[in-house]
C-alpha atoms as a PDB file:
ATOM      1  CA  UNK A   1      -1.830   7.521  16.692  1.00  0.00           C
ATOM      2  CA  UNK A   2       0.336   5.823  13.690  1.00  0.00           C
ATOM      3  CA  UNK A   3       2.447   8.189  11.799  1.00  0.00           C
ATOM      4  CA  UNK A   4       5.428   8.758   9.360  1.00  0.00           C
ATOM      5  CA  UNK A   5       7.273  12.103   9.473  1.00  0.00           C
ATOM      6  CA  UNK A   6      10.208  12.905   7.054  1.00  0.00           C
ATOM      7  CA  UNK A   7      12.916  11.334   9.723  1.00  0.00           C
ATOM      8  CA  UNK A   8      11.050   9.186  11.945  1.00  0.00           C
ATOM      9  CA  UNK A   9       8.119   7.068  13.022  1.00  0.00           C
ATOM     10  CA  UNK A  10       5.716   8.545  15.485  1.00  0.00           C
ATOM     11  CA  UNK A  11       3.996   5.789  17.672  1.00  0.00           C
ATOM     12  CA  UNK A  12       1.559   7.329  20.198  1.00  0.00           C
ATOM     13  CA  UNK A  13      -0.300   4.168  20.808  1.00  0.00           C
ATOM     14  CA  UNK A  14      -1.453   2.301  24.146  1.00  0.00           C
ATOM     15  CA  UNK A  15      -1.258  -1.360  24.824  1.00  0.00           C
ATOM     16  CA  UNK A  16      -5.334  -1.448  24.298  1.00  0.00           C
ATOM     17  CA  UNK A  17      -4.536   0.114  20.871  1.00  0.00           C
ATOM     18  CA  UNK A  18      -1.972  -2.586  20.275  1.00  0.00           C
ATOM     19  CA  UNK A  19      -4.172  -5.252  21.070  1.00  0.00           C
ATOM     20  CA  UNK A  20      -7.019  -3.830  18.863  1.00  0.00           C
ATOM     21  CA  UNK A  21      -4.803  -3.743  15.918  1.00  0.00           C
ATOM     22  CA  UNK A  22      -3.672  -7.570  16.503  1.00  0.00           C
ATOM     23  CA  UNK A  23      -7.000  -8.800  16.761  1.00  0.00           C
ATOM     24  CA  UNK A  24      -8.479  -7.097  13.837  1.00  0.00           C
ATOM     25  CA  UNK A  25      -5.264  -8.295  11.467  1.00  0.00           C
ATOM     26  CA  UNK A  26      -5.631 -11.642  12.826  1.00  0.00           C
ATOM     27  CA  UNK A  27      -9.384 -11.514  11.894  1.00  0.00           C
ATOM     28  CA  UNK A  28      -9.817  -9.485   8.530  1.00  0.00           C
ATOM     29  CA  UNK A  29      -5.927  -9.593   7.575  1.00  0.00           C
ATOM     30  CA  UNK A  30      -5.695  -5.974   7.150  1.00  0.00           C
ATOM     31  CA  UNK A  31      -5.764  -2.876   9.548  1.00  0.00           C
ATOM     32  CA  UNK A  32      -5.783   0.655   8.480  1.00  0.00           C
ATOM     33  CA  UNK A  33      -4.359   3.946  10.032  1.00  0.00           C
ATOM     34  CA  UNK A  34      -5.836   7.390   9.158  1.00  0.00           C
ATOM     35  CA  UNK A  35      -2.948  10.076   8.815  1.00  0.00           C
ATOM     36  CA  UNK A  36      -0.503   7.871   8.506  1.00  0.00           C
ATOM     37  CA  UNK A  37       1.684  10.502   6.415  1.00  0.00           C
ATOM     38  CA  UNK A  38       2.474  13.186   8.917  1.00  0.00           C
ATOM     39  CA  UNK A  39       1.911  16.831   7.572  1.00  0.00           C
ATOM     40  CA  UNK A  40       5.457  17.473   7.022  1.00  0.00           C
ATOM     41  CA  UNK A  41       5.834  14.189   4.938  1.00  0.00           C
ATOM     42  CA  UNK A  42       2.451  14.756   3.034  1.00  0.00           C
ATOM     43  CA  UNK A  43       3.372  18.499   2.109  1.00  0.00           C
ATOM     44  CA  UNK A  44       6.487  16.997   0.376  1.00  0.00           C
ATOM     45  CA  UNK A  45       4.309  14.343  -1.359  1.00  0.00           C
ATOM     46  CA  UNK A  46       1.996  16.566  -2.571  1.00  0.00           C
ATOM     47  CA  UNK A  47       4.616  19.201  -3.941  1.00  0.00           C
ATOM     48  CA  UNK A  48       6.481  16.275  -5.895  1.00  0.00           C
ATOM     49  CA  UNK A  49       2.995  14.668  -6.908  1.00  0.00           C
ATOM     50  CA  UNK A  50       2.241  17.911  -8.524  1.00  0.00           C
ATOM     51  CA  UNK A  51       5.155  17.975 -10.892  1.00  0.00           C
ATOM     52  CA  UNK A  52       6.371  14.174 -11.275  1.00  0.00           C
ATOM     53  CA  UNK A  53       6.658  12.803 -14.798  1.00  0.00           C
ATOM     54  CA  UNK A  54       4.082  10.172 -15.559  1.00  0.00           C
ATOM     55  CA  UNK A  55       4.589   7.202 -17.708  1.00  0.00           C
ATOM     56  CA  UNK A  56       1.907   4.953 -19.013  1.00  0.00           C
ATOM     57  CA  UNK A  57       2.400   1.282 -18.323  1.00  0.00           C
ATOM     58  CA  UNK A  58       0.814  -1.299 -20.601  1.00  0.00           C
ATOM     59  CA  UNK A  59       0.842  -5.047 -20.998  1.00  0.00           C
ATOM     60  CA  UNK A  60       0.287  -5.533 -24.807  1.00  0.00           C
ATOM     61  CA  UNK A  61      -2.006  -3.083 -26.114  1.00  0.00           C
ATOM     62  CA  UNK A  62      -3.792  -2.709 -22.831  1.00  0.00           C
ATOM     63  CA  UNK A  63      -3.542   0.371 -20.608  1.00  0.00           C
ATOM     64  CA  UNK A  64      -2.872  -0.722 -16.789  1.00  0.00           C
ATOM     65  CA  UNK A  65      -2.034   2.124 -14.905  1.00  0.00           C
ATOM     66  CA  UNK A  66      -0.082   5.741 -14.979  1.00  0.00           C
ATOM     67  CA  UNK A  67       3.056   5.343 -13.167  1.00  0.00           C
ATOM     68  CA  UNK A  68       4.643   8.538 -11.290  1.00  0.00           C
ATOM     69  CA  UNK A  69       8.140   8.534 -11.629  1.00  0.00           C
ATOM     70  CA  UNK A  70      10.077  10.902  -9.027  1.00  0.00           C
ATOM     71  CA  UNK A  71      13.270  10.170  -8.018  1.00  0.00           C
ATOM     72  CA  UNK A  72      13.378  12.532  -5.285  1.00  0.00           C
ATOM     73  CA  UNK A  73      10.198  11.680  -4.131  1.00  0.00           C
ATOM     74  CA  UNK A  74      10.260   7.804  -3.981  1.00  0.00           C
ATOM     75  CA  UNK A  75      13.814   8.071  -2.326  1.00  0.00           C
ATOM     76  CA  UNK A  76      12.096  10.089   0.317  1.00  0.00           C
ATOM     77  CA  UNK A  77       9.255   7.497   0.684  1.00  0.00           C
ATOM     78  CA  UNK A  78      11.602   4.642   0.417  1.00  0.00           C
ATOM     79  CA  UNK A  79      13.953   6.132   3.302  1.00  0.00           C
ATOM     80  CA  UNK A  80      10.986   6.241   5.567  1.00  0.00           C
ATOM     81  CA  UNK A  81       9.502   3.357   4.839  1.00  0.00           C
ATOM     82  CA  UNK A  82      12.769   1.690   5.225  1.00  0.00           C
ATOM     83  CA  UNK A  83      12.902   2.569   8.796  1.00  0.00           C
ATOM     84  CA  UNK A  84      13.617  -0.549  10.931  1.00  0.00           C
ATOM     85  CA  UNK A  85      11.628   1.080  13.878  1.00  0.00           C
ATOM     86  CA  UNK A  86       8.614   0.721  11.389  1.00  0.00           C
ATOM     87  CA  UNK A  87       9.306  -2.738  10.365  1.00  0.00           C
ATOM     88  CA  UNK A  88       9.362  -4.111  13.819  1.00  0.00           C
ATOM     89  CA  UNK A  89       6.290  -2.050  14.567  1.00  0.00           C
ATOM     90  CA  UNK A  90       4.622  -3.785  11.745  1.00  0.00           C
ATOM     91  CA  UNK A  91       5.690  -7.461  12.830  1.00  0.00           C
ATOM     92  CA  UNK A  92       4.605  -6.502  16.172  1.00  0.00           C
ATOM     93  CA  UNK A  93       1.147  -6.119  14.600  1.00  0.00           C
ATOM     94  CA  UNK A  94       0.781  -8.889  12.007  1.00  0.00           C
ATOM     95  CA  UNK A  95       3.118 -11.371  13.532  1.00  0.00           C
ATOM     96  CA  UNK A  96       4.875 -11.697  10.397  1.00  0.00           C
ATOM     97  CA  UNK A  97       8.318 -12.852   9.924  1.00  0.00           C
ATOM     98  CA  UNK A  98      11.317 -10.346  10.323  1.00  0.00           C
ATOM     99  CA  UNK A  99      11.184  -7.829   7.522  1.00  0.00           C
ATOM    100  CA  UNK A 100      14.232  -7.057   5.803  1.00  0.00           C
ATOM    101  CA  UNK A 101      13.427  -4.388   3.141  1.00  0.00           C
ATOM    102  CA  UNK A 102      10.298  -2.612   1.538  1.00  0.00           C
ATOM    103  CA  UNK A 103       9.778  -1.654  -2.014  1.00  0.00           C
ATOM    104  CA  UNK A 104       6.954   0.076  -3.817  1.00  0.00           C
ATOM    105  CA  UNK A 105       5.640   2.556  -6.353  1.00  0.00           C
ATOM    106  CA  UNK A 106       3.222   5.286  -7.065  1.00  0.00           C
ATOM    107  CA  UNK A 107       0.478   4.894  -9.525  1.00  0.00           C
ATOM    108  CA  UNK A 108      -2.944   6.571 -10.632  1.00  0.00           C
ATOM    109  CA  UNK A 109      -5.433   4.611 -12.112  1.00  0.00           C
ATOM    110  CA  UNK A 110      -8.851   6.025 -13.718  1.00  0.00           C
ATOM    111  CA  UNK A 111     -12.223   4.733 -14.328  1.00  0.00           C
ATOM    112  CA  UNK A 112     -12.662   2.785 -17.587  1.00  0.00           C
ATOM    113  CA  UNK A 113     -15.446   1.640 -19.922  1.00  0.00           C
ATOM    114  CA  UNK A 114     -16.794  -1.650 -18.427  1.00  0.00           C
ATOM    115  CA  UNK A 115     -15.481  -1.163 -15.012  1.00  0.00           C
ATOM    116  CA  UNK A 116     -12.767  -4.172 -15.927  1.00  0.00           C
ATOM    117  CA  UNK A 117     -10.100  -5.309 -13.138  1.00  0.00           C
ATOM    118  CA  UNK A 118      -6.640  -4.594 -14.072  1.00  0.00           C
ATOM    119  CA  UNK A 119      -5.488  -7.505 -11.663  1.00  0.00           C
ATOM    120  CA  UNK A 120      -8.135 -10.181 -10.688  1.00  0.00           C
ATOM    121  CA  UNK A 121      -7.778 -12.147  -7.338  1.00  0.00           C
ATOM    122  CA  UNK A 122      -4.431 -12.895  -6.572  1.00  0.00           C
ATOM    123  CA  UNK A 123      -1.960 -13.712  -3.569  1.00  0.00           C
ATOM    124  CA  UNK A 124       1.433 -11.657  -4.141  1.00  0.00           C
ATOM    125  CA  UNK A 125       3.349 -14.379  -2.829  1.00  0.00           C
ATOM    126  CA  UNK A 126       6.586 -13.845  -4.891  1.00  0.00           C
ATOM    127  CA  UNK A 127      10.013 -12.299  -3.991  1.00  0.00           C
ATOM    128  CA  UNK A 128       9.700 -13.151   0.174  1.00  0.00           C
ATOM    129  CA  UNK A 129       6.291 -10.417   0.153  1.00  0.00           C
ATOM    130  CA  UNK A 130       5.080 -10.578   3.750  1.00  0.00           C
ATOM    131  CA  UNK A 131       2.856  -7.611   4.277  1.00  0.00           C
ATOM    132  CA  UNK A 132       1.397  -5.348   1.636  1.00  0.00           C
ATOM    133  CA  UNK A 133       0.961  -1.455   2.203  1.00  0.00           C
ATOM    134  CA  UNK A 134      -1.274   0.798   0.599  1.00  0.00           C
ATOM    135  CA  UNK A 135      -1.227   4.661   1.310  1.00  0.00           C
ATOM    136  CA  UNK A 136      -3.872   6.932  -0.482  1.00  0.00           C
ATOM    137  CA  UNK A 137      -2.304   9.709  -2.383  1.00  0.00           C
ATOM    138  CA  UNK A 138      -5.446  10.944  -4.013  1.00  0.00           C
ATOM    139  CA  UNK A 139      -6.353  14.821  -3.681  1.00  0.00           C
ATOM    140  CA  UNK A 140      -9.981  13.930  -4.567  1.00  0.00           C
ATOM    141  CA  UNK A 141     -12.572  11.438  -2.931  1.00  0.00           C
ATOM    142  CA  UNK A 142     -12.931   8.634  -5.501  1.00  0.00           C
ATOM    143  CA  UNK A 143     -15.541   5.813  -5.679  1.00  0.00           C
ATOM    144  CA  UNK A 144     -14.239   2.184  -6.275  1.00  0.00           C
ATOM    145  CA  UNK A 145     -10.601   1.069  -5.564  1.00  0.00           C
ATOM    146  CA  UNK A 146     -11.438  -1.021  -2.467  1.00  0.00           C
ATOM    147  CA  UNK A 147      -9.323  -3.308  -1.054  1.00  0.00           C
ATOM    148  CA  UNK A 148     -10.865  -7.091  -0.969  1.00  0.00           C
ATOM    149  CA  UNK A 149      -9.582 -10.478   0.527  1.00  0.00           C
ATOM    150  CA  UNK A 150     -10.884 -13.704   0.730  1.00  0.00           C
ATOM    151  CA  UNK A 151     -10.125 -17.194   1.521  1.00  0.00           C
ATOM    152  CA  UNK A 152      -8.145 -18.829  -1.756  1.00  0.00           C
ATOM    153  CA  UNK A 153      -9.784 -22.363  -1.169  1.00  0.00           C
ATOM    154  CA  UNK A 154     -13.204 -21.148  -0.299  1.00  0.00           C
ATOM    155  CA  UNK A 155     -13.610 -17.780  -1.681  1.00  0.00           C
ATOM    156  CA  UNK A 156     -14.983 -16.698   1.385  1.00  0.00           C
ATOM    157  CA  UNK A 157     -15.051 -12.862   1.977  1.00  0.00           C
ATOM    158  CA  UNK A 158     -12.884 -11.512   4.705  1.00  0.00           C
ATOM    159  CA  UNK A 159     -12.460  -8.007   4.286  1.00  0.00           C
ATOM    160  CA  UNK A 160     -13.722  -4.966   1.978  1.00  0.00           C
ATOM    161  CA  UNK A 161     -11.781  -1.877   2.976  1.00  0.00           C
ATOM    162  CA  UNK A 162     -10.433   1.491   1.598  1.00  0.00           C
ATOM    163  CA  UNK A 163      -8.789   4.615   2.529  1.00  0.00           C
ATOM    164  CA  UNK A 164     -10.733   7.613   2.760  1.00  0.00           C
ATOM    165  CA  UNK A 165      -8.326  10.519   2.839  1.00  0.00           C
ATOM    166  CA  UNK A 166      -4.863  11.742   1.384  1.00  0.00           C
ATOM    167  CA  UNK A 167      -2.175  10.270   3.727  1.00  0.00           C
ATOM    168  CA  UNK A 168      -4.369   7.259   5.072  1.00  0.00           C
ATOM    169  CA  UNK A 169      -2.715   4.119   4.810  1.00  0.00           C
ATOM    170  CA  UNK A 170      -3.620   0.231   5.253  1.00  0.00           C
ATOM    171  CA  UNK A 171      -1.586  -2.998   5.541  1.00  0.00           C
ATOM    172  CA  UNK A 172      -2.883  -6.411   4.456  1.00  0.00           C
ATOM    173  CA  UNK A 173      -1.367  -9.908   4.874  1.00  0.00           C
ATOM    174  CA  UNK A 174       0.120 -11.515   2.104  1.00  0.00           C
ATOM    175  CA  UNK A 175      -0.186 -15.429   2.327  1.00  0.00           C
ATOM    176  CA  UNK A 176      -0.815 -18.399   0.044  1.00  0.00           C
ATOM    177  CA  UNK A 177      -4.006 -19.407   1.552  1.00  0.00           C
ATOM    178  CA  UNK A 178      -5.476 -15.645   0.945  1.00  0.00           C
ATOM    179  CA  UNK A 179      -6.261 -14.007  -1.953  1.00  0.00           C
ATOM    180  CA  UNK A 180      -7.018  -9.947  -2.806  1.00  0.00           C
ATOM    181  CA  UNK A 181      -7.990  -7.489  -5.489  1.00  0.00           C
ATOM    182  CA  UNK A 182      -8.783  -3.941  -5.764  1.00  0.00           C
ATOM    183  CA  UNK A 183     -12.114  -3.085  -7.184  1.00  0.00           C
ATOM    184  CA  UNK A 184     -12.309  -0.837 -10.501  1.00  0.00           C
ATOM    185  CA  UNK A 185     -12.154   2.961 -10.128  1.00  0.00           C
ATOM    186  CA  UNK A 186     -15.519   4.513 -10.676  1.00  0.00           C
ATOM    187  CA  UNK A 187     -16.617   8.268 -11.717  1.00  0.00           C
ATOM    188  CA  UNK A 188     -14.385  10.867 -12.672  1.00  0.00           C
ATOM    189  CA  UNK A 189     -12.031  11.300  -9.957  1.00  0.00           C
ATOM    190  CA  UNK A 190      -8.630   9.028 -10.384  1.00  0.00           C
ATOM    191  CA  UNK A 191      -7.011   6.855  -7.518  1.00  0.00           C
ATOM    192  CA  UNK A 192      -3.649   7.697  -6.794  1.00  0.00           C
ATOM    193  CA  UNK A 193      -1.831   5.442  -4.406  1.00  0.00           C
ATOM    194  CA  UNK A 194       1.540   4.465  -3.205  1.00  0.00           C
ATOM    195  CA  UNK A 195       1.499   0.465  -3.084  1.00  0.00           C
ATOM    196  CA  UNK A 196       4.403  -1.853  -1.783  1.00  0.00           C
ATOM    197  CA  UNK A 197       5.237  -4.988   0.188  1.00  0.00           C
ATOM    198  CA  UNK A 198       7.309  -5.462   3.403  1.00  0.00           C
ATOM    199  CA  UNK A 199       9.791  -8.316   2.604  1.00  0.00           C
ATOM    200  CA  UNK A 200      11.817 -10.843   3.941  1.00  0.00           C
ATOM    201  CA  UNK A 201      15.286 -12.131   2.981  1.00  0.00           C
ATOM    202  CA  UNK A 202      15.709  -9.768  -0.292  1.00  0.00           C
ATOM    203  CA  UNK A 203      18.368  -7.513  -1.374  1.00  0.00           C
ATOM    204  CA  UNK A 204      16.857  -4.106  -2.002  1.00  0.00           C
ATOM    205  CA  UNK A 205      19.376  -3.303  -4.591  1.00  0.00           C
ATOM    206  CA  UNK A 206      18.482  -6.532  -6.403  1.00  0.00           C
ATOM    207  CA  UNK A 207      14.957  -5.088  -6.687  1.00  0.00           C
ATOM    208  CA  UNK A 208      15.657  -1.736  -7.890  1.00  0.00           C
ATOM    209  CA  UNK A 209      17.684  -2.913 -10.573  1.00  0.00           C
ATOM    210  CA  UNK A 210      14.955  -4.943 -12.044  1.00  0.00           C
ATOM    211  CA  UNK A 211      13.447  -3.806 -15.465  1.00  0.00           C
END
C-alpha cells in the first residue's frame, strides 16, 4: 500500500512490490496506486472541493478548463506532496534524478462538442520536470480522460491508463524520448484531477510567483 495522510507518507510495501513497480515503470513509463489519498486527507479534499472557487481558464477565445483555486486545499496538498520521504520513494521506483520540489494544480474538464483535445501529444520537458503525477478527484466515474504515452520518434504506443476512483493516483515519466496526451472527456460526468510534476533544481517560490 502507498498512501498519503495529512501528515506523512504511509508505505506498506514488500521488496516484491517495489520490484514490480520498478519493472512496470521501466516498461510502460507509468505506475498507479489505488487509494493514494488516505481517508483523512481525502476527506479534507472533498470538503474543500465542495466550496472551492472555480476560475475558467482560456487561451484566446477557447475554453480550456476550470481551475479550482483554494489556498487552504492547495497548501495542504503542496505540503504532503513536498515530503522528502515521498520524493525518495518516487526516485526509488522511477530511477529519476534527485527531486527538489513539487508543483501542481487542480482542474476540472468536461466533455466538449467534437471531443477535441486540449493538449495534443507533448512531452512536458520544461522547468526541470522529471515525473508527472495525476490524482483522481472526481466524485463520479467519467469516461475518457485516459493518459496515453508513446515513443516520440516512432509513435509506438507504450501505455493507455486511467485512474478509476477518488484518491487513486498515477505517476509517469517525463522524457524527451516520450510523448503523452490525455484523451477528451466523454459523457456527462466531468473529470477533476490534481495534476503536477516532481522537479529537479527548481526554486519552488519562483514557480508560485509565476502568473
